[in-house]
PDB file of N, CA and C in Angstrom:
ATOM      1  N   MET A   1       0.630  -0.981  -0.154  1.00  0.00           N
ATOM      2  CA  MET A   1       0.237  -0.591   0.042  1.00  0.00           C
ATOM      3  C   MET A   1       0.622   1.374   0.862  1.00  0.00           C
ATOM      4  N   LYS A   2       2.193   1.333   0.885  1.00  0.00           N
ATOM      5  CA  LYS A   2       2.954   2.325   0.576  1.00  0.00           C
ATOM      6  C   LYS A   2       3.225   2.749  -1.011  1.00  0.00           C
ATOM      7  N   LYS A   3       4.034   2.025  -1.275  1.00  0.00           N
ATOM      8  CA  LYS A   3       4.366   1.828  -2.644  1.00  0.00           C
ATOM      9  C   LYS A   3       3.282   2.343  -3.832  1.00  0.00           C
ATOM     10  N   THR A   4       1.680   1.886  -3.372  1.00  0.00           N
ATOM     11  CA  THR A   4       1.639   2.552  -4.580  1.00  0.00           C
ATOM     12  C   THR A   4       0.759   4.066  -4.219  1.00  0.00           C
ATOM     13  N   ALA A   5       0.765   4.262  -3.363  1.00  0.00           N
ATOM     14  CA  ALA A   5       0.711   5.439  -2.713  1.00  0.00           C
ATOM     15  C   ALA A   5       1.517   6.677  -2.974  1.00  0.00           C
ATOM     16  N   ILE A   6       2.783   6.219  -3.218  1.00  0.00           N
ATOM     17  CA  ILE A   6       4.166   6.931  -3.202  1.00  0.00           C
ATOM     18  C   ILE A   6       4.327   6.687  -5.109  1.00  0.00           C
ATOM     19  N   ILE A   7       3.725   6.093  -5.709  1.00  0.00           N
ATOM     20  CA  ILE A   7       3.924   5.477  -7.036  1.00  0.00           C
ATOM     21  C   ILE A   7       2.800   7.081  -7.795  1.00  0.00           C
ATOM     22  N   PHE A   8       1.318   6.486  -7.203  1.00  0.00           N
ATOM     23  CA  PHE A   8       0.647   7.404  -7.272  1.00  0.00           C
ATOM     24  C   PHE A   8       0.562   9.244  -7.210  1.00  0.00           C
ATOM     25  N   GLY A   9       1.347   9.344  -5.842  1.00  0.00           N
ATOM     26  CA  GLY A   9       1.647  10.409  -4.930  1.00  0.00           C
ATOM     27  C   GLY A   9       2.134  11.308  -6.464  1.00  0.00           C
ATOM     28  N   THR A  10       3.648  10.466  -6.583  1.00  0.00           N
ATOM     29  CA  THR A  10       4.729  11.352  -7.825  1.00  0.00           C
ATOM     30  C   THR A  10       3.804  11.299  -8.729  1.00  0.00           C
ATOM     31  N   ILE A  11       2.972  10.513  -9.515  1.00  0.00           N
ATOM     32  CA  ILE A  11       2.461  10.367 -10.976  1.00  0.00           C
ATOM     33  C   ILE A  11       1.252  11.821 -10.423  1.00  0.00           C
ATOM     34  N   GLY A  12       0.788  11.752  -9.327  1.00  0.00           N
ATOM     35  CA  GLY A  12      -0.270  12.899  -8.861  1.00  0.00           C
ATOM     36  C   GLY A  12       0.583  14.583  -9.526  1.00  0.00           C
ATOM     37  N   ALA A  13       1.554  14.383  -8.406  1.00  0.00           N
ATOM     38  CA  ALA A  13       2.356  15.698  -8.335  1.00  0.00           C
ATOM     39  C   ALA A  13       2.863  16.284  -9.455  1.00  0.00           C
ATOM     40  N   ILE A  14       3.015  15.329 -10.571  1.00  0.00           N
ATOM     41  CA  ILE A  14       4.179  15.669 -11.712  1.00  0.00           C
ATOM     42  C   ILE A  14       2.808  16.445 -13.137  1.00  0.00           C
ATOM     43  N   ILE A  15       2.008  15.433 -12.792  1.00  0.00           N
ATOM     44  CA  ILE A  15       0.353  16.080 -13.668  1.00  0.00           C
ATOM     45  C   ILE A  15       0.069  17.376 -12.841  1.00  0.00           C
ATOM     46  N   PHE A  16       0.070  17.499 -11.852  1.00  0.00           N
ATOM     47  CA  PHE A  16      -0.355  19.107 -11.339  1.00  0.00           C
ATOM     48  C   PHE A  16       0.864  20.239 -11.554  1.00  0.00           C
ATOM     49  N   LEU A  17       2.325  19.836 -11.261  1.00  0.00           N
ATOM     50  CA  LEU A  17       3.143  20.885 -11.707  1.00  0.00           C
ATOM     51  C   LEU A  17       3.455  20.437 -12.770  1.00  0.00           C
ATOM     52  N   LEU A  18       2.779  19.809 -13.682  1.00  0.00           N
ATOM     53  CA  LEU A  18       2.651  20.252 -15.400  1.00  0.00           C
ATOM     54  C   LEU A  18       1.203  21.209 -15.694  1.00  0.00           C
ATOM     55  N   GLY A  19       0.622  20.938 -15.016  1.00  0.00           N
ATOM     56  CA  GLY A  19      -0.735  22.010 -14.750  1.00  0.00           C
ATOM     57  C   GLY A  19      -0.592  23.226 -14.699  1.00  0.00           C
ATOM     58  N   VAL A  20       0.476  23.265 -13.375  1.00  0.00           N
ATOM     59  CA  VAL A  20       1.190  24.294 -12.773  1.00  0.00           C
ATOM     60  C   VAL A  20       1.546  25.418 -14.128  1.00  0.00           C
ATOM     61  N   LEU A  21       2.568  24.655 -14.651  1.00  0.00           N
ATOM     62  CA  LEU A  21       3.417  25.455 -15.847  1.00  0.00           C
ATOM     63  C   LEU A  21       2.882  25.360 -17.017  1.00  0.00           C
ATOM     64  N   PHE A  22       1.708  25.078 -17.546  1.00  0.00           N
ATOM     65  CA  PHE A  22       0.465  25.362 -18.534  1.00  0.00           C
ATOM     66  C   PHE A  22      -0.267  26.507 -18.306  1.00  0.00           C
ATOM     67  N   LYS A  23      -0.745  26.472 -17.065  1.00  0.00           N
ATOM     68  CA  LYS A  23      -1.113  27.361 -15.974  1.00  0.00           C
ATOM     69  C   LYS A  23      -0.601  28.610 -16.700  1.00  0.00           C
ATOM     70  N   PHE A  24       0.487  28.649 -16.047  1.00  0.00           N
ATOM     71  CA  PHE A  24       1.737  29.986 -16.571  1.00  0.00           C
ATOM     72  C   PHE A  24       1.619  30.975 -17.770  1.00  0.00           C
ATOM     73  N   LEU A  25       1.991  29.739 -18.769  1.00  0.00           N
ATOM     74  CA  LEU A  25       2.405  29.751 -19.932  1.00  0.00           C
ATOM     75  C   LEU A  25       1.012  30.035 -20.653  1.00  0.00           C
ATOM     76  N   HIS A  26      -0.127  29.957 -20.242  1.00  0.00           N
ATOM     77  CA  HIS A  26      -1.667  29.738 -20.742  1.00  0.00           C
ATOM     78  C   HIS A  26      -1.086  28.562 -22.187  1.00  0.00           C
ATOM     79  N   TRP A  27      -1.249  27.564 -21.643  1.00  0.00           N
ATOM     80  CA  TRP A  27      -0.759  27.082 -22.769  1.00  0.00           C
ATOM     81  C   TRP A  27      -2.498  26.242 -22.859  1.00  0.00           C
ATOM     82  N   PRO A  28      -2.585  25.129 -23.541  1.00  0.00           N
ATOM     83  CA  PRO A  28      -4.556  24.509 -23.429  1.00  0.00           C
ATOM     84  C   PRO A  28      -4.195  23.425 -22.562  1.00  0.00           C
ATOM     85  N   GLY A  29      -5.340  22.845 -22.325  1.00  0.00           N
ATOM     86  CA  GLY A  29      -4.682  21.844 -21.593  1.00  0.00           C
ATOM     87  C   GLY A  29      -4.530  22.157 -20.036  1.00  0.00           C
ATOM     88  N   ALA A  30      -4.228  23.342 -19.178  1.00  0.00           N
ATOM     89  CA  ALA A  30      -4.135  23.172 -18.199  1.00  0.00           C
ATOM     90  C   ALA A  30      -4.838  22.762 -17.245  1.00  0.00           C
ATOM     91  N   GLY A  31      -6.080  23.090 -17.071  1.00  0.00           N
ATOM     92  CA  GLY A  31      -7.238  22.759 -16.703  1.00  0.00           C
ATOM     93  C   GLY A  31      -6.866  21.450 -16.142  1.00  0.00           C
ATOM     94  N   PHE A  32      -6.948  20.727 -17.645  1.00  0.00           N
ATOM     95  CA  PHE A  32      -7.505  19.289 -17.548  1.00  0.00           C
ATOM     96  C   PHE A  32      -6.036  18.903 -16.880  1.00  0.00           C
ATOM     97  N   LEU A  33      -5.057  19.311 -16.809  1.00  0.00           N
ATOM     98  CA  LEU A  33      -4.163  18.627 -16.089  1.00  0.00           C
ATOM     99  C   LEU A  33      -3.993  18.818 -14.283  1.00  0.00           C
ATOM    100  N   LEU A  34      -4.525  20.092 -14.199  1.00  0.00           N
ATOM    101  CA  LEU A  34      -4.619  20.431 -12.671  1.00  0.00           C
ATOM    102  C   LEU A  34      -5.578  19.515 -11.885  1.00  0.00           C
ATOM    103  N   ILE A  35      -6.624  19.534 -12.393  1.00  0.00           N
ATOM    104  CA  ILE A  35      -8.169  18.626 -12.448  1.00  0.00           C
ATOM    105  C   ILE A  35      -7.502  17.262 -11.931  1.00  0.00           C
ATOM    106  N   TRP A  36      -7.056  16.645 -12.600  1.00  0.00           N
ATOM    107  CA  TRP A  36      -6.286  15.236 -12.503  1.00  0.00           C
ATOM    108  C   TRP A  36      -5.353  14.867 -11.767  1.00  0.00           C
ATOM    109  N   GLY A  37      -4.466  15.533 -11.503  1.00  0.00           N
ATOM    110  CA  GLY A  37      -3.921  15.889 -10.558  1.00  0.00           C
ATOM    111  C   GLY A  37      -3.520  16.280  -9.142  1.00  0.00           C
ATOM    112  N   THR A  38      -5.095  16.710  -9.149  1.00  0.00           N
ATOM    113  CA  THR A  38      -5.752  16.885  -7.532  1.00  0.00           C
ATOM    114  C   THR A  38      -6.291  15.931  -7.284  1.00  0.00           C
ATOM    115  N   ILE A  39      -7.066  14.901  -8.811  1.00  0.00           N
ATOM    116  CA  ILE A  39      -8.266  14.296  -8.368  1.00  0.00           C
ATOM    117  C   ILE A  39      -7.341  12.808  -7.926  1.00  0.00           C
ATOM    118  N   ILE A  40      -6.239  12.524  -8.610  1.00  0.00           N
ATOM    119  CA  ILE A  40      -5.516  11.604  -7.783  1.00  0.00           C
ATOM    120  C   ILE A  40      -4.736  11.525  -6.310  1.00  0.00           C
ATOM    121  N   ASN A  41      -4.477  12.822  -6.382  1.00  0.00           N
ATOM    122  CA  ASN A  41      -3.791  12.876  -4.957  1.00  0.00           C
ATOM    123  C   ASN A  41      -5.072  12.870  -3.912  1.00  0.00           C
ATOM    124  N   CYS A  42      -6.039  13.428  -4.432  1.00  0.00           N
ATOM    125  CA  CYS A  42      -7.081  13.686  -3.465  1.00  0.00           C
ATOM    126  C   CYS A  42      -8.161  12.538  -3.214  1.00  0.00           C
ATOM    127  N   ILE A  43      -8.494  11.819  -4.552  1.00  0.00           N
ATOM    128  CA  ILE A  43      -8.589  10.343  -3.908  1.00  0.00           C
ATOM    129  C   ILE A  43      -7.926   8.902  -4.499  1.00  0.00           C
ATOM    130  N   ILE A  44      -6.954   8.995  -4.629  1.00  0.00           N
ATOM    131  CA  ILE A  44      -6.371   8.112  -4.180  1.00  0.00           C
ATOM    132  C   ILE A  44      -5.456   7.734  -3.219  1.00  0.00           C
ATOM    133  N   VAL A  45      -4.316   9.040  -3.023  1.00  0.00           N
ATOM    134  CA  VAL A  45      -2.910   8.800  -2.600  1.00  0.00           C
ATOM    135  C   VAL A  45      -3.805   9.443  -1.157  1.00  0.00           C
ATOM    136  N   MET A  46      -4.662  10.457  -0.887  1.00  0.00           N
ATOM    137  CA  MET A  46      -4.923  10.374   0.807  1.00  0.00           C
ATOM    138  C   MET A  46      -5.664   9.942   1.069  1.00  0.00           C
ATOM    139  N   PRO A  47      -6.797   9.034   0.919  1.00  0.00           N
ATOM    140  CA  PRO A  47      -7.661   8.135   1.367  1.00  0.00           C
ATOM    141  C   PRO A  47      -6.523   6.892   1.718  1.00  0.00           C
ATOM    142  N   ILE A  48      -5.758   6.675   0.814  1.00  0.00           N
ATOM    143  CA  ILE A  48      -4.408   4.919   1.116  1.00  0.00           C
ATOM    144  C   ILE A  48      -3.569   5.950   3.058  1.00  0.00           C
ATOM    145  N   ILE A  49      -3.544   7.263   2.220  1.00  0.00           N
ATOM    146  CA  ILE A  49      -2.835   7.249   3.734  1.00  0.00           C
ATOM    147  C   ILE A  49      -3.926   7.312   4.699  1.00  0.00           C
ATOM    148  N   ALA A  50      -4.893   7.905   5.085  1.00  0.00           N
ATOM    149  CA  ALA A  50      -6.086   7.691   5.767  1.00  0.00           C
ATOM    150  C   ALA A  50      -6.002   6.437   6.456  1.00  0.00           C
ATOM    151  N   ILE A  51      -6.203   5.597   5.102  1.00  0.00           N
ATOM    152  CA  ILE A  51      -6.580   3.913   5.765  1.00  0.00           C
ATOM    153  C   ILE A  51      -5.003   3.531   6.229  1.00  0.00           C
ATOM    154  N   PHE A  52      -4.069   3.681   5.642  1.00  0.00           N
ATOM    155  CA  PHE A  52      -3.002   3.163   6.442  1.00  0.00           C
ATOM    156  C   PHE A  52      -3.011   3.814   8.094  1.00  0.00           C
ATOM    157  N   THR A  53      -2.806   5.273   8.284  1.00  0.00           N
ATOM    158  CA  THR A  53      -2.584   5.664   9.482  1.00  0.00           C
ATOM    159  C   THR A  53      -3.887   4.990  10.712  1.00  0.00           C
ATOM    160  N   ARG A  54      -5.101   4.841   9.894  1.00  0.00           N
ATOM    161  CA  ARG A  54      -6.315   4.361  10.535  1.00  0.00           C
ATOM    162  C   ARG A  54      -6.133   2.888  11.091  1.00  0.00           C
ATOM    163  N   SER A  55      -4.736   2.399  10.195  1.00  0.00           N
ATOM    164  CA  SER A  55      -4.839   1.352  10.548  1.00  0.00           C
ATOM    165  C   SER A  55      -3.280   0.680  11.564  1.00  0.00           C
ATOM    166  N   MET A  56      -2.610   1.826  12.141  1.00  0.00           N
ATOM    167  CA  MET A  56      -1.676   2.059  12.544  1.00  0.00           C
ATOM    168  C   MET A  56      -1.796   1.510  13.779  1.00  0.00           C
ATOM    169  N   GLU A  57      -0.793   1.093  14.905  1.00  0.00           N
ATOM    170  CA  GLU A  57      -1.151   0.330  15.895  1.00  0.00           C
ATOM    171  C   GLU A  57      -0.908   1.980  17.193  1.00  0.00           C
ATOM    172  N   SER A  58      -1.440   2.825  16.837  1.00  0.00           N
ATOM    173  CA  SER A  58      -0.547   4.242  17.486  1.00  0.00           C
ATOM    174  C   SER A  58      -1.606   4.649  18.303  1.00  0.00           C
ATOM    175  N   PRO A  59      -1.478   5.783  19.182  1.00  0.00           N
ATOM    176  CA  PRO A  59      -2.121   6.567  19.932  1.00  0.00           C
ATOM    177  C   PRO A  59      -2.449   8.187  19.309  1.00  0.00           C
ATOM    178  N   LYS A  60      -1.984   8.372  17.753  1.00  0.00           N
ATOM    179  CA  LYS A  60      -1.854   8.878  16.870  1.00  0.00           C
ATOM    180  C   LYS A  60      -2.885   9.131  15.750  1.00  0.00           C
ATOM    181  N   LYS A  61      -3.578   7.561  15.421  1.00  0.00           N
ATOM    182  CA  LYS A  61      -3.680   7.585  14.286  1.00  0.00           C
ATOM    183  C   LYS A  61      -4.903   8.450  14.196  1.00  0.00           C
ATOM    184  N   ASN A  62      -5.798   8.314  14.824  1.00  0.00           N
ATOM    185  CA  ASN A  62      -7.325   9.702  14.892  1.00  0.00           C
ATOM    186  C   ASN A  62      -6.760  10.906  14.610  1.00  0.00           C
ATOM    187  N   LEU A  63      -5.101  11.219  14.367  1.00  0.00           N
ATOM    188  CA  LEU A  63      -4.947  13.019  14.263  1.00  0.00           C
ATOM    189  C   LEU A  63      -4.615  12.639  13.041  1.00  0.00           C
ATOM    190  N   TYR A  64      -3.518  11.451  12.434  1.00  0.00           N
ATOM    191  CA  TYR A  64      -2.905  11.518  11.525  1.00  0.00           C
ATOM    192  C   TYR A  64      -4.296  11.221  10.523  1.00  0.00           C
ATOM    193  N   PHE A  65      -5.415  10.666  10.537  1.00  0.00           N
ATOM    194  CA  PHE A  65      -6.835  10.804   9.530  1.00  0.00           C
ATOM    195  C   PHE A  65      -7.196  12.002   9.460  1.00  0.00           C
ATOM    196  N   PHE A  66      -7.581  12.681  10.967  1.00  0.00           N
ATOM    197  CA  PHE A  66      -7.851  14.259  10.465  1.00  0.00           C
ATOM    198  C   PHE A  66      -7.466  15.232   9.795  1.00  0.00           C
ATOM    199  N   GLY A  67      -5.756  15.073   9.625  1.00  0.00           N
ATOM    200  CA  GLY A  67      -4.999  15.529   9.493  1.00  0.00           C
ATOM    201  C   GLY A  67      -5.183  15.129   7.626  1.00  0.00           C
ATOM    202  N   ALA A  68      -5.242  13.610   7.536  1.00  0.00           N
ATOM    203  CA  ALA A  68      -5.533  13.473   5.408  1.00  0.00           C
ATOM    204  C   ALA A  68      -6.530  14.113   5.114  1.00  0.00           C
ATOM    205  N   LEU A  69      -7.590  14.498   5.711  1.00  0.00           N
ATOM    206  CA  LEU A  69      -8.392  14.372   5.745  1.00  0.00           C
ATOM    207  C   LEU A  69      -8.984  16.027   5.596  1.00  0.00           C
ATOM    208  N   SER A  70      -7.984  16.935   6.338  1.00  0.00           N
ATOM    209  CA  SER A  70      -7.881  18.370   6.420  1.00  0.00           C
ATOM    210  C   SER A  70      -7.538  18.158   4.928  1.00  0.00           C
ATOM    211  N   THR A  71      -6.173  17.898   4.919  1.00  0.00           N
ATOM    212  CA  THR A  71      -5.800  17.991   3.660  1.00  0.00           C
ATOM    213  C   THR A  71      -6.381  18.244   2.273  1.00  0.00           C
ATOM    214  N   ILE A  72      -7.339  16.860   2.215  1.00  0.00           N
ATOM    215  CA  ILE A  72      -8.266  16.467   1.416  1.00  0.00           C
ATOM    216  C   ILE A  72      -8.628  17.750   0.974  1.00  0.00           C
ATOM    217  N   VAL A  73      -9.632  18.051   2.130  1.00  0.00           N
ATOM    218  CA  VAL A  73     -10.176  19.651   1.684  1.00  0.00           C
ATOM    219  C   VAL A  73      -9.137  21.203   1.257  1.00  0.00           C
ATOM    220  N   TRP A  74      -8.501  21.453   1.782  1.00  0.00           N
ATOM    221  CA  TRP A  74      -7.582  22.664   1.584  1.00  0.00           C
ATOM    222  C   TRP A  74      -7.171  22.230   0.124  1.00  0.00           C
ATOM    223  N   MET A  75      -6.490  20.332  -0.784  1.00  0.00           N
ATOM    224  CA  MET A  75      -6.527  20.526  -1.733  1.00  0.00           C
ATOM    225  C   MET A  75      -7.292  20.961  -2.774  1.00  0.00           C
ATOM    226  N   ALA A  76      -8.115  20.199  -2.164  1.00  0.00           N
ATOM    227  CA  ALA A  76      -9.742  20.406  -2.915  1.00  0.00           C
ATOM    228  C   ALA A  76      -9.503  22.404  -2.920  1.00  0.00           C
ATOM    229  N   GLY A  77      -9.646  23.050  -1.783  1.00  0.00           N
ATOM    230  CA  GLY A  77      -9.985  24.450  -1.928  1.00  0.00           C
ATOM    231  C   GLY A  77      -9.031  24.919  -2.585  1.00  0.00           C
ATOM    232  N   GLY A  78      -7.786  24.441  -2.735  1.00  0.00           N
ATOM    233  CA  GLY A  78      -7.219  25.223  -4.000  1.00  0.00           C
ATOM    234  C   GLY A  78      -6.988  25.102  -4.931  1.00  0.00           C
ATOM    235  N   LEU A  79      -7.693  23.651  -5.737  1.00  0.00           N
ATOM    236  CA  LEU A  79      -7.916  23.471  -7.013  1.00  0.00           C
ATOM    237  C   LEU A  79      -8.907  24.333  -7.761  1.00  0.00           C
ATOM    238  N   PHE A  80     -10.174  24.631  -6.168  1.00  0.00           N
ATOM    239  CA  PHE A  80     -10.957  25.837  -6.938  1.00  0.00           C
ATOM    240  C   PHE A  80     -10.823  26.829  -6.945  1.00  0.00           C
ATOM    241  N   LYS A  81      -9.649  27.371  -6.042  1.00  0.00           N
ATOM    242  CA  LYS A  81      -9.120  28.518  -6.225  1.00  0.00           C
ATOM    243  C   LYS A  81      -8.839  29.132  -7.834  1.00  0.00           C
ATOM    244  N   ILE A  82      -8.062  27.987  -8.123  1.00  0.00           N
ATOM    245  CA  ILE A  82      -6.777  28.232  -9.356  1.00  0.00           C
ATOM    246  C   ILE A  82      -7.959  28.272 -10.756  1.00  0.00           C
ATOM    247  N   LEU A  83      -8.666  27.314 -10.415  1.00  0.00           N
ATOM    248  CA  LEU A  83     -10.079  27.677 -11.669  1.00  0.00           C
ATOM    249  C   LEU A  83     -11.172  28.194 -11.987  1.00  0.00           C
ATOM    250  N   HIS A  84     -10.927  29.321 -10.306  1.00  0.00           N
ATOM    251  CA  HIS A  84     -12.078  30.256 -10.456  1.00  0.00           C
ATOM    252  C   HIS A  84     -13.582  29.360 -10.158  1.00  0.00           C
ATOM    253  N   TRP A  85     -13.369  28.528  -9.580  1.00  0.00           N
ATOM    254  CA  TRP A  85     -14.637  27.405  -9.493  1.00  0.00           C
ATOM    255  C   TRP A  85     -15.395  28.279  -8.199  1.00  0.00           C
ATOM    256  N   PRO A  86     -16.993  28.204  -7.647  1.00  0.00           N
ATOM    257  CA  PRO A  86     -17.848  28.488  -6.444  1.00  0.00           C
ATOM    258  C   PRO A  86     -17.430  28.116  -5.879  1.00  0.00           C
ATOM    259  N   ALA A  87     -17.272  28.271  -4.192  1.00  0.00           N
ATOM    260  CA  ALA A  87     -17.210  27.348  -3.021  1.00  0.00           C
ATOM    261  C   ALA A  87     -15.879  27.199  -2.711  1.00  0.00           C
ATOM    262  N   SER A  88     -14.684  28.509  -3.618  1.00  0.00           N
ATOM    263  CA  SER A  88     -13.209  28.061  -3.407  1.00  0.00           C
ATOM    264  C   SER A  88     -13.142  28.703  -1.873  1.00  0.00           C
ATOM    265  N   ALA A  89     -13.019  30.325  -1.378  1.00  0.00           N
ATOM    266  CA  ALA A  89     -13.219  30.496  -0.010  1.00  0.00           C
ATOM    267  C   ALA A  89     -13.133  29.428   0.879  1.00  0.00           C
ATOM    268  N   ILE A  90     -14.813  28.443   1.044  1.00  0.00           N
ATOM    269  CA  ILE A  90     -15.495  28.243   1.856  1.00  0.00           C
ATOM    270  C   ILE A  90     -13.879  26.639   2.409  1.00  0.00           C
ATOM    271  N   LEU A  91     -14.547  26.208   0.730  1.00  0.00           N
ATOM    272  CA  LEU A  91     -13.118  24.975   0.991  1.00  0.00           C
ATOM    273  C   LEU A  91     -11.863  25.170   1.687  1.00  0.00           C
ATOM    274  N   LEU A  92     -11.014  26.110   1.007  1.00  0.00           N
ATOM    275  CA  LEU A  92      -9.821  27.142   1.574  1.00  0.00           C
ATOM    276  C   LEU A  92     -10.139  27.309   3.318  1.00  0.00           C
ATOM    277  N   THR A  93     -11.233  28.019   3.702  1.00  0.00           N
ATOM    278  CA  THR A  93     -11.360  28.114   5.014  1.00  0.00           C
ATOM    279  C   THR A  93     -11.090  26.884   5.921  1.00  0.00           C
ATOM    280  N   ILE A  94     -12.407  26.029   5.534  1.00  0.00           N
ATOM    281  CA  ILE A  94     -11.951  25.066   6.425  1.00  0.00           C
ATOM    282  C   ILE A  94     -11.135  23.669   6.362  1.00  0.00           C
ATOM    283  N   GLY A  95     -10.652  24.307   5.337  1.00  0.00           N
ATOM    284  CA  GLY A  95      -9.097  23.419   4.838  1.00  0.00           C
ATOM    285  C   GLY A  95      -7.690  23.607   5.633  1.00  0.00           C
ATOM    286  N   THR A  96      -7.662  25.250   5.781  1.00  0.00           N
ATOM    287  CA  THR A  96      -6.973  25.736   6.904  1.00  0.00           C
ATOM    288  C   THR A  96      -6.757  25.630   8.298  1.00  0.00           C
ATOM    289  N   ALA A  97      -8.379  26.498   8.487  1.00  0.00           N
ATOM    290  CA  ALA A  97      -8.172  26.283  10.014  1.00  0.00           C
ATOM    291  C   ALA A  97      -8.342  24.688  10.548  1.00  0.00           C
ATOM    292  N   SER A  98      -8.691  23.432   9.458  1.00  0.00           N
ATOM    293  CA  SER A  98      -8.803  22.244  10.533  1.00  0.00           C
ATOM    294  C   SER A  98      -6.686  21.810  10.329  1.00  0.00           C
ATOM    295  N   LEU A  99      -6.293  22.242   9.124  1.00  0.00           N
ATOM    296  CA  LEU A  99      -5.342  21.751   9.085  1.00  0.00           C
ATOM    297  C   LEU A  99      -4.058  23.094  10.601  1.00  0.00           C
ATOM    298  N   ILE A 100      -5.126  24.146  10.813  1.00  0.00           N
ATOM    299  CA  ILE A 100      -3.907  24.600  11.662  1.00  0.00           C
ATOM    300  C   ILE A 100      -3.943  23.500  13.296  1.00  0.00           C
ATOM    301  N   VAL A 101      -5.548  23.107  13.183  1.00  0.00           N
ATOM    302  CA  VAL A 101      -6.065  22.952  14.463  1.00  0.00           C
ATOM    303  C   VAL A 101      -5.207  21.216  14.197  1.00  0.00           C
ATOM    304  N   PHE A 102      -4.937  20.811  13.058  1.00  0.00           N
ATOM    305  CA  PHE A 102      -4.252  19.492  13.278  1.00  0.00           C
ATOM    306  C   PHE A 102      -2.574  19.878  13.901  1.00  0.00           C
ATOM    307  N   VAL A 103      -2.056  20.890  13.280  1.00  0.00           N
ATOM    308  CA  VAL A 103      -0.774  21.461  13.463  1.00  0.00           C
ATOM    309  C   VAL A 103      -0.709  21.757  15.073  1.00  0.00           C
ATOM    310  N   ILE A 104      -2.054  22.348  15.523  1.00  0.00           N
ATOM    311  CA  ILE A 104      -1.280  22.752  16.788  1.00  0.00           C
ATOM    312  C   ILE A 104      -1.778  21.215  18.369  1.00  0.00           C
ATOM    313  N   LEU A 105      -2.563  20.615  17.933  1.00  0.00           N
ATOM    314  CA  LEU A 105      -3.024  19.372  18.560  1.00  0.00           C
ATOM    315  C   LEU A 105      -2.011  18.842  17.915  1.00  0.00           C
ATOM    316  N   PHE A 106      -0.825  18.628  16.845  1.00  0.00           N
ATOM    317  CA  PHE A 106       0.148  17.477  16.849  1.00  0.00           C
ATOM    318  C   PHE A 106       1.439  18.072  17.410  1.00  0.00           C
ATOM    319  N   ALA A 107       1.636  19.324  17.437  1.00  0.00           N
ATOM    320  CA  ALA A 107       2.772  20.123  18.131  1.00  0.00           C
ATOM    321  C   ALA A 107       2.677  19.863  19.420  1.00  0.00           C
ATOM    322  N   PHE A 108       2.111  20.371  20.389  1.00  0.00           N
ATOM    323  CA  PHE A 108       1.526  20.451  22.062  1.00  0.00           C
ATOM    324  C   PHE A 108       0.756  19.458  22.339  1.00  0.00           C
ATOM    325  N   GLY A 109       0.884  18.710  21.834  1.00  0.00           N
ATOM    326  CA  GLY A 109       0.006  17.119  22.924  1.00  0.00           C
ATOM    327  C   GLY A 109      -0.157  15.992  22.877  1.00  0.00           C
ATOM    328  N   LEU A 110      -0.786  15.694  21.166  1.00  0.00           N
ATOM    329  CA  LEU A 110      -0.567  14.177  20.742  1.00  0.00           C
ATOM    330  C   LEU A 110       0.194  13.892  19.962  1.00  0.00           C
ATOM    331  N   ASN A 111       1.597  14.258  20.360  1.00  0.00           N
ATOM    332  CA  ASN A 111       2.617  13.713  19.549  1.00  0.00           C
ATOM    333  C   ASN A 111       3.811  12.772  20.719  1.00  0.00           C
ATOM    334  N   LYS A 112       3.279  12.332  21.918  1.00  0.00           N
ATOM    335  CA  LYS A 112       3.845  11.546  22.627  1.00  0.00           C
ATOM    336  C   LYS A 112       3.099  10.663  22.417  1.00  0.00           C
ATOM    337  N   GLU A 113       4.093   9.260  22.730  1.00  0.00           N
ATOM    338  CA  GLU A 113       3.721   7.854  22.760  1.00  0.00           C
ATOM    339  C   GLU A 113       3.813   7.835  23.556  1.00  0.00           C
TER     340      GLU A 113
END
């Protein structure tokens, strides 16, 4: 499962970065690449990471699961913002707030095993 996440994560990141390059250079196909890069990362990679962390024998497993879900919302909000779709501000706000809560919880209390 880790290798699958690494392979798809690399592919998704490369596709997304190509989409960003295409968007900067105003080439056709930028939206397509951005959407597919984000879909790969949000629908394949992050759920694999969330499932992997839920199966861990660690008191932090719920915290990692929360971080993975927060990242999915934040990445979707970023995609919506780049493509000027509605609800981008809501998704980015919820994703950023939940990631801030995740970092605070991780840094100040729940990182001790």
